[in-house]
């Protein structure tokens, strides 16, 4: 069982469901629970692969900045 999907794979799964395949069947086919599907839909719904990659880069930059601010606050 695969535990982690890339952004590209998640967007592909969401597009399958948008094409008219029932969500239950998509979840069964990719071996994911419906809760994960709806969390992904809230986060990545309507995005393209390039937008998801930009989001990931922004989140990484934000985490670095938060660490810097926390280190400065401790000094």
PDB file of N, CA and C in Angstrom:
ATOM      1  N   UNK A   1       0.842  -1.186   0.000  1.00  0.00           N
ATOM      2  CA  UNK A   1       0.000   0.000   0.000  1.00  0.00           C
ATOM      3  C   UNK A   1       0.879   1.239   0.000  1.00  0.00           C
ATOM      4  N   UNK A   2       0.570   2.169  -0.855  1.00  0.00           N
ATOM      5  CA  UNK A   2       1.329   3.403  -0.964  1.00  0.00           C
ATOM      6  C   UNK A   2       0.792   4.411   0.038  1.00  0.00           C
ATOM      7  N   UNK A   3       1.686   5.020   0.790  1.00  0.00           N
ATOM      8  CA  UNK A   3       1.247   5.919   1.846  1.00  0.00           C
ATOM      9  C   UNK A   3       1.280   7.381   1.439  1.00  0.00           C
ATOM     10  N   UNK A   4       2.061   7.723   0.442  1.00  0.00           N
ATOM     11  CA  UNK A   4       2.194   9.125   0.095  1.00  0.00           C
ATOM     12  C   UNK A   4       2.091   9.302  -1.416  1.00  0.00           C
ATOM     13  N   UNK A   5       1.334  10.272  -1.823  1.00  0.00           N
ATOM     14  CA  UNK A   5       1.162  10.593  -3.235  1.00  0.00           C
ATOM     15  C   UNK A   5       1.783  11.955  -3.509  1.00  0.00           C
ATOM     16  N   UNK A   6       2.331  12.117  -4.699  1.00  0.00           N
ATOM     17  CA  UNK A   6       2.885  13.413  -5.091  1.00  0.00           C
ATOM     18  C   UNK A   6       1.738  14.335  -5.499  1.00  0.00           C
ATOM     19  N   UNK A   7       2.052  15.620  -5.600  1.00  0.00           N
ATOM     20  CA  UNK A   7       1.029  16.578  -6.003  1.00  0.00           C
ATOM     21  C   UNK A   7       0.472  16.250  -7.383  1.00  0.00           C
ATOM     22  N   UNK A   8       1.342  15.795  -8.269  1.00  0.00           N
ATOM     23  CA  UNK A   8       0.899  15.451  -9.620  1.00  0.00           C
ATOM     24  C   UNK A   8      -0.093  14.294  -9.585  1.00  0.00           C
ATOM     25  N   UNK A   9       0.197  13.292  -8.756  1.00  0.00           N
ATOM     26  CA  UNK A   9      -0.702  12.149  -8.658  1.00  0.00           C
ATOM     27  C   UNK A   9      -2.037  12.547  -8.035  1.00  0.00           C
ATOM     28  N   UNK A  10      -1.995  13.389  -7.019  1.00  0.00           N
ATOM     29  CA  UNK A  10      -3.223  13.833  -6.362  1.00  0.00           C
ATOM     30  C   UNK A  10      -4.102  14.597  -7.335  1.00  0.00           C
ATOM     31  N   UNK A  11      -3.507  15.495  -8.103  1.00  0.00           N
ATOM     32  CA  UNK A  11      -4.281  16.276  -9.077  1.00  0.00           C
ATOM     33  C   UNK A  11      -4.862  15.359 -10.147  1.00  0.00           C
ATOM     34  N   UNK A  12      -4.112  14.337 -10.551  1.00  0.00           N
ATOM     35  CA  UNK A  12      -4.636  13.365 -11.508  1.00  0.00           C
ATOM     36  C   UNK A  12      -5.832  12.611 -10.963  1.00  0.00           C
ATOM     37  N   UNK A  13      -5.769  12.226  -9.696  1.00  0.00           N
ATOM     38  CA  UNK A  13      -6.882  11.520  -9.055  1.00  0.00           C
ATOM     39  C   UNK A  13      -8.112  12.428  -8.986  1.00  0.00           C
ATOM     40  N   UNK A  14      -7.897  13.696  -8.618  1.00  0.00           N
ATOM     41  CA  UNK A  14      -9.024  14.640  -8.548  1.00  0.00           C
ATOM     42  C   UNK A  14      -9.649  14.866  -9.919  1.00  0.00           C
ATOM     43  N   UNK A  15      -8.836  14.905 -10.960  1.00  0.00           N
ATOM     44  CA  UNK A  15      -9.371  15.095 -12.312  1.00  0.00           C
ATOM     45  C   UNK A  15     -10.176  13.887 -12.764  1.00  0.00           C
ATOM     46  N   UNK A  16      -9.767  12.693 -12.310  1.00  0.00           N
ATOM     47  CA  UNK A  16     -10.556  11.498 -12.630  1.00  0.00           C
ATOM     48  C   UNK A  16     -11.966  11.629 -12.072  1.00  0.00           C
ATOM     49  N   UNK A  17     -12.057  12.097 -10.828  1.00  0.00           N
ATOM     50  CA  UNK A  17     -13.374  12.247 -10.208  1.00  0.00           C
ATOM     51  C   UNK A  17     -14.181  13.336 -10.903  1.00  0.00           C
ATOM     52  N   UNK A  18     -13.512  14.380 -11.373  1.00  0.00           N
ATOM     53  CA  UNK A  18     -14.214  15.457 -12.080  1.00  0.00           C
ATOM     54  C   UNK A  18     -14.733  15.005 -13.442  1.00  0.00           C
ATOM     55  N   UNK A  19     -14.121  13.956 -13.998  1.00  0.00           N
ATOM     56  CA  UNK A  19     -14.523  13.501 -15.327  1.00  0.00           C
ATOM     57  C   UNK A  19     -15.828  12.709 -15.307  1.00  0.00           C
ATOM     58  N   UNK A  20     -16.357  12.444 -14.101  1.00  0.00           N
ATOM     59  CA  UNK A  20     -17.648  11.784 -14.032  1.00  0.00           C
ATOM     60  C   UNK A  20     -17.619  10.426 -13.366  1.00  0.00           C
ATOM     61  N   UNK A  21     -16.452   9.908 -13.046  1.00  0.00           N
ATOM     62  CA  UNK A  21     -16.350   8.631 -12.341  1.00  0.00           C
ATOM     63  C   UNK A  21     -16.785   8.862 -10.899  1.00  0.00           C
ATOM     64  N   UNK A  22     -17.621   8.002 -10.344  1.00  0.00           N
ATOM     65  CA  UNK A  22     -18.047   8.178  -8.948  1.00  0.00           C
ATOM     66  C   UNK A  22     -16.854   8.198  -7.990  1.00  0.00           C
ATOM     67  N   UNK A  23     -16.940   9.051  -6.990  1.00  0.00           N
ATOM     68  CA  UNK A  23     -15.835   9.241  -6.055  1.00  0.00           C
ATOM     69  C   UNK A  23     -15.505   7.944  -5.329  1.00  0.00           C
ATOM     70  N   UNK A  24     -16.522   7.192  -4.992  1.00  0.00           N
ATOM     71  CA  UNK A  24     -16.301   5.922  -4.303  1.00  0.00           C
ATOM     72  C   UNK A  24     -15.442   4.983  -5.153  1.00  0.00           C
ATOM     73  N   UNK A  25     -15.696   4.956  -6.459  1.00  0.00           N
ATOM     74  CA  UNK A  25     -14.923   4.097  -7.354  1.00  0.00           C
ATOM     75  C   UNK A  25     -13.480   4.592  -7.509  1.00  0.00           C
ATOM     76  N   UNK A  26     -13.303   5.911  -7.574  1.00  0.00           N
ATOM     77  CA  UNK A  26     -11.957   6.478  -7.683  1.00  0.00           C
ATOM     78  C   UNK A  26     -11.149   6.139  -6.432  1.00  0.00           C
ATOM     79  N   UNK A  27     -11.767   6.279  -5.274  1.00  0.00           N
ATOM     80  CA  UNK A  27     -11.088   5.980  -4.013  1.00  0.00           C
ATOM     81  C   UNK A  27     -10.713   4.506  -3.940  1.00  0.00           C
ATOM     82  N   UNK A  28     -11.609   3.645  -4.347  1.00  0.00           N
ATOM     83  CA  UNK A  28     -11.342   2.211  -4.321  1.00  0.00           C
ATOM     84  C   UNK A  28     -10.213   1.861  -5.300  1.00  0.00           C
ATOM     85  N   UNK A  29     -10.223   2.461  -6.467  1.00  0.00           N
ATOM     86  CA  UNK A  29      -9.226   2.175  -7.500  1.00  0.00           C
ATOM     87  C   UNK A  29      -7.822   2.581  -7.044  1.00  0.00           C
ATOM     88  N   UNK A  30      -7.701   3.693  -6.332  1.00  0.00           N
ATOM     89  CA  UNK A  30      -6.390   4.200  -5.908  1.00  0.00           C
ATOM     90  C   UNK A  30      -6.059   3.833  -4.465  1.00  0.00           C
ATOM     91  N   UNK A  31      -6.953   3.078  -3.828  1.00  0.00           N
ATOM     92  CA  UNK A  31      -6.744   2.596  -2.463  1.00  0.00           C
ATOM     93  C   UNK A  31      -6.540   3.742  -1.470  1.00  0.00           C
ATOM     94  N   UNK A  32      -7.463   4.710  -1.529  1.00  0.00           N
ATOM     95  CA  UNK A  32      -7.450   5.822  -0.578  1.00  0.00           C
ATOM     96  C   UNK A  32      -8.823   5.901   0.077  1.00  0.00           C
ATOM     97  N   UNK A  33      -8.894   6.513   1.244  1.00  0.00           N
ATOM     98  CA  UNK A  33     -10.190   6.676   1.900  1.00  0.00           C
ATOM     99  C   UNK A  33     -10.844   7.968   1.394  1.00  0.00           C
ATOM    100  N   UNK A  34     -12.125   8.044   1.572  1.00  0.00           N
ATOM    101  CA  UNK A  34     -12.858   9.213   1.087  1.00  0.00           C
ATOM    102  C   UNK A  34     -12.466  10.469   1.854  1.00  0.00           C
ATOM    103  N   UNK A  35     -12.060  10.310   3.119  1.00  0.00           N
ATOM    104  CA  UNK A  35     -11.612  11.461   3.903  1.00  0.00           C
ATOM    105  C   UNK A  35     -10.392  12.099   3.268  1.00  0.00           C
ATOM    106  N   UNK A  36      -9.436  11.266   2.858  1.00  0.00           N
ATOM    107  CA  UNK A  36      -8.238  11.786   2.191  1.00  0.00           C
ATOM    108  C   UNK A  36      -8.606  12.488   0.894  1.00  0.00           C
ATOM    109  N   UNK A  37      -9.527  11.879   0.149  1.00  0.00           N
ATOM    110  CA  UNK A  37      -9.949  12.477  -1.112  1.00  0.00           C
ATOM    111  C   UNK A  37     -10.501  13.873  -0.898  1.00  0.00           C
ATOM    112  N   UNK A  38     -11.383  14.050   0.092  1.00  0.00           N
ATOM    113  CA  UNK A  38     -11.993  15.358   0.315  1.00  0.00           C
ATOM    114  C   UNK A  38     -11.003  16.365   0.880  1.00  0.00           C
ATOM    115  N   UNK A  39     -10.032  15.907   1.670  1.00  0.00           N
ATOM    116  CA  UNK A  39      -8.975  16.810   2.134  1.00  0.00           C
ATOM    117  C   UNK A  39      -8.148  17.296   0.950  1.00  0.00           C
ATOM    118  N   UNK A  40      -7.817  16.371   0.050  1.00  0.00           N
ATOM    119  CA  UNK A  40      -7.069  16.751  -1.145  1.00  0.00           C
ATOM    120  C   UNK A  40      -7.884  17.700  -2.004  1.00  0.00           C
ATOM    121  N   UNK A  41      -9.174  17.445  -2.114  1.00  0.00           N
ATOM    122  CA  UNK A  41     -10.030  18.300  -2.941  1.00  0.00           C
ATOM    123  C   UNK A  41     -10.075  19.715  -2.382  1.00  0.00           C
ATOM    124  N   UNK A  42     -10.132  19.840  -1.047  1.00  0.00           N
ATOM    125  CA  UNK A  42     -10.116  21.172  -0.431  1.00  0.00           C
ATOM    126  C   UNK A  42      -8.794  21.877  -0.670  1.00  0.00           C
ATOM    127  N   UNK A  43      -7.709  21.132  -0.670  1.00  0.00           N
ATOM    128  CA  UNK A  43      -6.394  21.751  -0.795  1.00  0.00           C
ATOM    129  C   UNK A  43      -5.990  21.975  -2.253  1.00  0.00           C
ATOM    130  N   UNK A  44      -6.215  20.984  -3.113  1.00  0.00           N
ATOM    131  CA  UNK A  44      -5.718  21.034  -4.482  1.00  0.00           C
ATOM    132  C   UNK A  44      -6.808  21.178  -5.536  1.00  0.00           C
ATOM    133  N   UNK A  45      -8.056  21.262  -5.150  1.00  0.00           N
ATOM    134  CA  UNK A  45      -9.147  21.323  -6.119  1.00  0.00           C
ATOM    135  C   UNK A  45      -9.017  22.502  -7.058  1.00  0.00           C
ATOM    136  N   UNK A  46      -9.050  22.249  -8.343  1.00  0.00           N
ATOM    137  CA  UNK A  46      -8.969  23.302  -9.345  1.00  0.00           C
ATOM    138  C   UNK A  46      -7.564  23.758  -9.676  1.00  0.00           C
ATOM    139  N   UNK A  47      -6.562  23.158  -9.062  1.00  0.00           N
ATOM    140  CA  UNK A  47      -5.172  23.555  -9.334  1.00  0.00           C
ATOM    141  C   UNK A  47      -4.593  22.757 -10.487  1.00  0.00           C
ATOM    142  N   UNK A  48      -3.606  23.348 -11.118  1.00  0.00           N
ATOM    143  CA  UNK A  48      -2.811  22.617 -12.091  1.00  0.00           C
ATOM    144  C   UNK A  48      -1.553  22.131 -11.383  1.00  0.00           C
ATOM    145  N   UNK A  49      -0.787  21.314 -12.060  1.00  0.00           N
ATOM    146  CA  UNK A  49       0.432  20.762 -11.460  1.00  0.00           C
ATOM    147  C   UNK A  49       1.427  21.873 -11.130  1.00  0.00           C
ATOM    148  N   UNK A  50       1.577  22.837 -12.015  1.00  0.00           N
ATOM    149  CA  UNK A  50       2.537  23.915 -11.760  1.00  0.00           C
ATOM    150  C   UNK A  50       2.120  24.776 -10.571  1.00  0.00           C
ATOM    151  N   UNK A  51       0.813  24.994 -10.419  1.00  0.00           N
ATOM    152  CA  UNK A  51       0.336  25.761  -9.264  1.00  0.00           C
ATOM    153  C   UNK A  51       0.597  25.008  -7.963  1.00  0.00           C
ATOM    154  N   UNK A  52       0.439  23.689  -7.981  1.00  0.00           N
ATOM    155  CA  UNK A  52       0.692  22.884  -6.785  1.00  0.00           C
ATOM    156  C   UNK A  52       2.178  22.910  -6.427  1.00  0.00           C
ATOM    157  N   UNK A  53       3.043  22.897  -7.432  1.00  0.00           N
ATOM    158  CA  UNK A  53       4.477  22.973  -7.164  1.00  0.00           C
ATOM    159  C   UNK A  53       4.849  24.329  -6.578  1.00  0.00           C
ATOM    160  N   UNK A  54       4.225  25.406  -7.065  1.00  0.00           N
ATOM    161  CA  UNK A  54       4.464  26.734  -6.501  1.00  0.00           C
ATOM    162  C   UNK A  54       3.997  26.803  -5.057  1.00  0.00           C
ATOM    163  N   UNK A  55       2.843  26.206  -4.768  1.00  0.00           N
ATOM    164  CA  UNK A  55       2.328  26.170  -3.407  1.00  0.00           C
ATOM    165  C   UNK A  55       3.309  25.466  -2.474  1.00  0.00           C
ATOM    166  N   UNK A  56       3.849  24.361  -2.926  1.00  0.00           N
ATOM    167  CA  UNK A  56       4.817  23.615  -2.113  1.00  0.00           C
ATOM    168  C   UNK A  56       6.061  24.459  -1.864  1.00  0.00           C
ATOM    169  N   UNK A  57       6.524  25.185  -2.868  1.00  0.00           N
ATOM    170  CA  UNK A  57       7.703  26.041  -2.704  1.00  0.00           C
ATOM    171  C   UNK A  57       7.418  27.183  -1.727  1.00  0.00           C
ATOM    172  N   UNK A  58       6.234  27.778  -1.816  1.00  0.00           N
ATOM    173  CA  UNK A  58       5.856  28.849  -0.887  1.00  0.00           C
ATOM    174  C   UNK A  58       5.787  28.339   0.543  1.00  0.00           C
ATOM    175  N   UNK A  59       5.237  27.143   0.720  1.00  0.00           N
ATOM    176  CA  UNK A  59       5.152  26.571   2.065  1.00  0.00           C
ATOM    177  C   UNK A  59       6.533  26.296   2.640  1.00  0.00           C
ATOM    178  N   UNK A  60       7.464  25.831   1.801  1.00  0.00           N
ATOM    179  CA  UNK A  60       8.833  25.583   2.265  1.00  0.00           C
ATOM    180  C   UNK A  60       9.508  26.898   2.658  1.00  0.00           C
ATOM    181  N   UNK A  61       9.341  27.933   1.847  1.00  0.00           N
ATOM    182  CA  UNK A  61       9.915  29.246   2.169  1.00  0.00           C
ATOM    183  C   UNK A  61       9.324  29.802   3.459  1.00  0.00           C
ATOM    184  N   UNK A  62       8.028  29.631   3.630  1.00  0.00           N
ATOM    185  CA  UNK A  62       7.362  30.110   4.827  1.00  0.00           C
ATOM    186  C   UNK A  62       7.900  29.397   6.068  1.00  0.00           C
ATOM    187  N   UNK A  63       8.134  28.104   5.974  1.00  0.00           N
ATOM    188  CA  UNK A  63       8.677  27.348   7.108  1.00  0.00           C
ATOM    189  C   UNK A  63      10.083  27.840   7.463  1.00  0.00           C
ATOM    190  N   UNK A  64      10.900  28.131   6.447  1.00  0.00           N
ATOM    191  CA  UNK A  64      12.252  28.658   6.701  1.00  0.00           C
ATOM    192  C   UNK A  64      12.189  30.007   7.411  1.00  0.00           C
ATOM    193  N   UNK A  65      11.291  30.874   6.937  1.00  0.00           N
ATOM    194  CA  UNK A  65      11.158  32.192   7.552  1.00  0.00           C
ATOM    195  C   UNK A  65      10.668  32.087   8.995  1.00  0.00           C
ATOM    196  N   UNK A  66       9.755  31.190   9.253  1.00  0.00           N
ATOM    197  CA  UNK A  66       9.268  31.006  10.621  1.00  0.00           C
ATOM    198  C   UNK A  66      10.385  30.535  11.541  1.00  0.00           C
ATOM    199  N   UNK A  67      11.241  29.627  11.038  1.00  0.00           N
ATOM    200  CA  UNK A  67      12.367  29.167  11.848  1.00  0.00           C
ATOM    201  C   UNK A  67      13.329  30.299  12.144  1.00  0.00           C
ATOM    202  N   UNK A  68      13.592  31.150  11.143  1.00  0.00           N
ATOM    203  CA  UNK A  68      14.491  32.289  11.349  1.00  0.00           C
ATOM    204  C   UNK A  68      13.936  33.238  12.398  1.00  0.00           C
ATOM    205  N   UNK A  69      12.660  33.535  12.324  1.00  0.00           N
ATOM    206  CA  UNK A  69      12.036  34.444  13.280  1.00  0.00           C
ATOM    207  C   UNK A  69      12.083  33.842  14.686  1.00  0.00           C
ATOM    208  N   UNK A  70      11.830  32.548  14.794  1.00  0.00           N
ATOM    209  CA  UNK A  70      11.867  31.894  16.095  1.00  0.00           C
ATOM    210  C   UNK A  70      13.286  31.908  16.683  1.00  0.00           C
ATOM    211  N   UNK A  71      14.286  31.682  15.842  1.00  0.00           N
ATOM    212  CA  UNK A  71      15.677  31.721  16.318  1.00  0.00           C
ATOM    213  C   UNK A  71      16.064  33.114  16.773  1.00  0.00           C
ATOM    214  N   UNK A  72      15.609  34.132  16.056  1.00  0.00           N
ATOM    215  CA  UNK A  72      15.925  35.510  16.441  1.00  0.00           C
ATOM    216  C   UNK A  72      15.222  35.883  17.733  1.00  0.00           C
ATOM    217  N   UNK A  73      14.032  35.376  17.946  1.00  0.00           N
ATOM    218  CA  UNK A  73      13.294  35.674  19.174  1.00  0.00           C
ATOM    219  C   UNK A  73      13.978  35.039  20.384  1.00  0.00           C
ATOM    220  N   UNK A  74      14.628  33.917  20.189  1.00  0.00           N
ATOM    221  CA  UNK A  74      15.323  33.245  21.296  1.00  0.00           C
ATOM    222  C   UNK A  74      16.632  33.942  21.655  1.00  0.00           C
ATOM    223  N   UNK A  75      17.218  34.644  20.716  1.00  0.00           N
ATOM    224  CA  UNK A  75      18.509  35.311  20.975  1.00  0.00           C
ATOM    225  C   UNK A  75      18.372  36.605  21.704  1.00  0.00           C
TER     226      UNK A  75
END
